[in-house]
C-alpha atoms as a PDB file:
ATOM      1  CA  ALA A   1      78.873   1.063 -10.864  1.00  0.00           C
ATOM      2  CA  SER A   2      80.387   1.336  -7.453  1.00  0.00           C
ATOM      3  CA  CYS A   3      78.594   1.109  -4.116  1.00  0.00           C
ATOM      4  CA  LEU A   4      79.024   3.201  -1.028  1.00  0.00           C
ATOM      5  CA  VAL A   5      80.695   1.533   1.936  1.00  0.00           C
ATOM      6  CA  GLY A   6      78.561  -0.214   4.553  1.00  0.00           C
ATOM      7  CA  SER A   7      74.842  -0.682   4.254  1.00  0.00           C
ATOM      8  CA  GLU A   8      74.363   2.280   1.883  1.00  0.00           C
ATOM      9  CA  MET A   9      72.670   1.355  -1.356  1.00  0.00           C
ATOM     10  CA  CYS A  10      74.468   1.449  -4.688  1.00  0.00           C
ATOM     11  CA  ILE A  11      74.206   4.718  -6.569  1.00  0.00           C
ATOM     12  CA  ARG A  12      72.768   2.826  -9.540  1.00  0.00           C
ATOM     13  CA  ASP A  13      69.961   1.553  -7.292  1.00  0.00           C
ATOM     14  CA  SER A  14      68.796   5.137  -6.755  1.00  0.00           C
ATOM     15  CA  LEU A  15      68.510   5.890 -10.484  1.00  0.00           C
ATOM     16  CA  GLU A  16      65.336   5.742 -12.530  1.00  0.00           C
ATOM     17  CA  ALA A  17      64.483   6.190 -16.185  1.00  0.00           C
ATOM     18  CA  ALA A  18      62.351   9.327 -16.436  1.00  0.00           C
ATOM     19  CA  HIS A  19      60.049  10.104 -19.343  1.00  0.00           C
ATOM     20  CA  ILE A  20      60.686  13.577 -20.711  1.00  0.00           C
ATOM     21  CA  GLU A  21      57.187  13.781 -22.186  1.00  0.00           C
ATOM     22  CA  ASN A  22      54.507  12.114 -20.088  1.00  0.00           C
ATOM     23  CA  TYR A  23      54.059   8.390 -20.533  1.00  0.00           C
ATOM     24  CA  SER A  24      51.338   7.733 -23.110  1.00  0.00           C
ATOM     25  CA  GLY A  25      51.669   4.040 -23.827  1.00  0.00           C
ATOM     26  CA  PRO A  26      54.172   2.069 -25.897  1.00  0.00           C
ATOM     27  CA  LYS A  27      54.784   4.909 -28.381  1.00  0.00           C
ATOM     28  CA  SER A  28      56.381   6.943 -25.581  1.00  0.00           C
ATOM     29  CA  GLN A  29      58.653   4.072 -24.531  1.00  0.00           C
ATOM     30  CA  VAL A  30      61.592   5.131 -26.698  1.00  0.00           C
ATOM     31  CA  ALA A  31      65.132   5.996 -25.664  1.00  0.00           C
ATOM     32  CA  SER A  32      64.817   9.531 -27.062  1.00  0.00           C
ATOM     33  CA  ASN A  33      62.007  10.203 -24.557  1.00  0.00           C
ATOM     34  CA  GLY A  34      64.048   9.248 -21.532  1.00  0.00           C
ATOM     35  CA  ILE A  35      66.767  10.448 -19.217  1.00  0.00           C
ATOM     36  CA  LEU A  36      68.340   8.775 -16.228  1.00  0.00           C
ATOM     37  CA  LEU A  37      67.773  10.661 -12.972  1.00  0.00           C
ATOM     38  CA  ARG A  38      68.069  10.052  -9.272  1.00  0.00           C
ATOM     39  CA  ARG A  39      64.643   9.098  -7.845  1.00  0.00           C
ATOM     40  CA  ASP A  40      64.118  12.366  -6.009  1.00  0.00           C
ATOM     41  CA  LEU A  41      65.162  14.433  -9.024  1.00  0.00           C
ATOM     42  CA  HIS A  42      62.860  12.307 -11.175  1.00  0.00           C
ATOM     43  CA  SER A  43      59.934  13.309  -8.941  1.00  0.00           C
ATOM     44  CA  LEU A  44      60.869  17.001  -9.153  1.00  0.00           C
ATOM     45  CA  PHE A  45      61.243  16.707 -12.942  1.00  0.00           C
ATOM     46  CA  ASP A  46      57.816  15.056 -13.315  1.00  0.00           C
ATOM     47  CA  ALA A  47      56.262  17.802 -11.172  1.00  0.00           C
ATOM     48  CA  HIS A  48      57.890  20.462 -13.392  1.00  0.00           C
ATOM     49  CA  LEU A  49      59.793  21.861 -10.409  1.00  0.00           C
ATOM     50  CA  ILE A  50      63.053  21.416 -12.324  1.00  0.00           C
ATOM     51  CA  SER A  51      63.926  21.181 -16.004  1.00  0.00           C
ATOM     52  CA  PHE A  52      66.882  21.447 -18.368  1.00  0.00           C
ATOM     53  CA  GLU A  53      67.804  24.575 -20.307  1.00  0.00           C
ATOM     54  CA  PRO A  54      70.089  24.730 -23.336  1.00  0.00           C
ATOM     55  CA  VAL A  55      73.382  26.494 -22.574  1.00  0.00           C
ATOM     56  CA  CYS A  56      76.246  26.527 -25.081  1.00  0.00           C
ATOM     57  CA  GLY A  57      75.223  23.238 -26.710  1.00  0.00           C
ATOM     58  CA  GLU A  58      74.572  21.440 -23.406  1.00  0.00           C
ATOM     59  CA  TYR A  59      71.523  21.015 -21.211  1.00  0.00           C
ATOM     60  CA  ARG A  60      71.809  22.312 -17.656  1.00  0.00           C
ATOM     61  CA  LEU A  61      69.516  21.669 -14.720  1.00  0.00           C
ATOM     62  CA  CYS A  62      67.502  24.711 -13.712  1.00  0.00           C
ATOM     63  CA  GLY A  63      64.576  25.767 -11.575  1.00  0.00           C
ATOM     64  CA  SER A  64      63.801  28.183  -8.782  1.00  0.00           C
ATOM     65  CA  TYR A  65      63.226  25.148  -6.556  1.00  0.00           C
ATOM     66  CA  LEU A  66      66.989  24.590  -6.680  1.00  0.00           C
ATOM     67  CA  ASP A  67      67.904  28.068  -5.523  1.00  0.00           C
ATOM     68  CA  LYS A  68      66.654  28.032  -1.947  1.00  0.00           C
ATOM     69  CA  THR A  69      66.587  24.340  -1.058  1.00  0.00           C
ATOM     70  CA  ASP A  70      68.986  21.528  -0.276  1.00  0.00           C
ATOM     71  CA  TYR A  71      69.023  20.868  -4.018  1.00  0.00           C
ATOM     72  CA  ALA A  72      71.048  24.039  -4.748  1.00  0.00           C
ATOM     73  CA  PHE A  73      74.071  21.791  -5.258  1.00  0.00           C
ATOM     74  CA  PHE A  74      72.478  20.485  -8.463  1.00  0.00           C
ATOM     75  CA  ALA A  75      71.760  23.882 -10.042  1.00  0.00           C
ATOM     76  CA  GLY A  76      73.520  24.091 -13.392  1.00  0.00           C
ATOM     77  CA  ALA A  77      74.470  20.397 -13.469  1.00  0.00           C
ATOM     78  CA  THR A  78      75.003  19.230 -17.035  1.00  0.00           C
ATOM     79  CA  LEU A  79      72.883  16.459 -18.512  1.00  0.00           C
ATOM     80  CA  ARG A  80      75.417  13.867 -19.626  1.00  0.00           C
ATOM     81  CA  GLN A  81      74.393  12.258 -22.883  1.00  0.00           C
ATOM     82  CA  PRO A  82      75.402   8.963 -24.483  1.00  0.00           C
ATOM     83  CA  ASN A  83      78.014   9.079 -27.232  1.00  0.00           C
ATOM     84  CA  GLU A  84      75.658   7.375 -29.692  1.00  0.00           C
ATOM     85  CA  ARG A  85      73.077   9.824 -31.061  1.00  0.00           C
ATOM     86  CA  GLN A  86      70.346   7.166 -31.197  1.00  0.00           C
ATOM     87  CA  TRP A  87      70.320   6.952 -27.390  1.00  0.00           C
ATOM     88  CA  ARG A  88      70.304  10.695 -26.702  1.00  0.00           C
ATOM     89  CA  PRO A  89      67.210  12.543 -25.488  1.00  0.00           C
ATOM     90  CA  ASP A  90      65.253  14.294 -28.226  1.00  0.00           C
ATOM     91  CA  THR A  91      65.823  18.051 -28.025  1.00  0.00           C
ATOM     92  CA  VAL A  92      62.180  18.631 -29.037  1.00  0.00           C
ATOM     93  CA  PHE A  93      61.050  16.646 -25.971  1.00  0.00           C
ATOM     94  CA  LEU A  94      63.467  18.539 -23.719  1.00  0.00           C
ATOM     95  CA  GLU A  95      62.248  21.875 -25.063  1.00  0.00           C
ATOM     96  CA  ALA A  96      58.585  20.868 -24.613  1.00  0.00           C
ATOM     97  CA  HIS A  97      59.330  19.959 -20.989  1.00  0.00           C
ATOM     98  CA  ARG A  98      61.094  23.279 -20.534  1.00  0.00           C
ATOM     99  CA  ILE A  99      58.078  25.178 -21.903  1.00  0.00           C
ATOM    100  CA  GLU A 100      55.735  23.369 -19.499  1.00  0.00           C
ATOM    101  CA  PHE A 101      58.209  24.014 -16.669  1.00  0.00           C
ATOM    102  CA  ASP A 102      58.210  27.759 -17.512  1.00  0.00           C
ATOM    103  CA  ARG A 103      54.379  27.789 -17.427  1.00  0.00           C
ATOM    104  CA  SER A 104      54.412  26.045 -14.057  1.00  0.00           C
ATOM    105  CA  GLU A 105      56.987  28.492 -12.685  1.00  0.00           C
ATOM    106  CA  LYS A 106      54.844  31.444 -13.769  1.00  0.00           C
ATOM    107  CA  LYS A 107      51.765  29.917 -12.097  1.00  0.00           C
ATOM    108  CA  ARG A 108      53.690  29.350  -8.863  1.00  0.00           C
ATOM    109  CA  GLU A 109      55.080  32.887  -8.962  1.00  0.00           C
ATOM    110  CA  LYS A 110      51.629  34.369  -9.592  1.00  0.00           C
ATOM    111  CA  ALA A 111      50.216  32.339  -6.699  1.00  0.00           C
ATOM    112  CA  GLY A 112      52.982  33.626  -4.422  1.00  0.00           C
ATOM    113  CA  LEU A 113      54.597  30.209  -4.051  1.00  0.00           C
ATOM    114  CA  LEU A 114      58.072  31.415  -5.026  1.00  0.00           C
ATOM    115  CA  PRO A 115      60.633  31.468  -3.527  1.00  0.00           C
ATOM    116  CA  TYR A 116      60.175  28.204  -1.700  1.00  0.00           C
END
């Protein structure tokens, strides 16, 4: 990985492994339950403010939080997956996260918290 010039930190230093389904001990510590995200995006993902939706065989970043914030740049970004299937995120986990995200979006909308 390359680093930015000067005292900026390396891009790789800002990345974290995010659990797709909440951490529940060693059984959840498997590659298929993880994705690599920037720290701030990891926090938004854990809070169900963003998620990934299936589009034409890919997973794209989505969420109303992206529409009206500085994160708009990331809307529709594709989740890049490893070539080896064994290291790819489980689509069942991604869909479960998406369902929880949709529930959270509906709650925020009902409470008048959308748009941000």
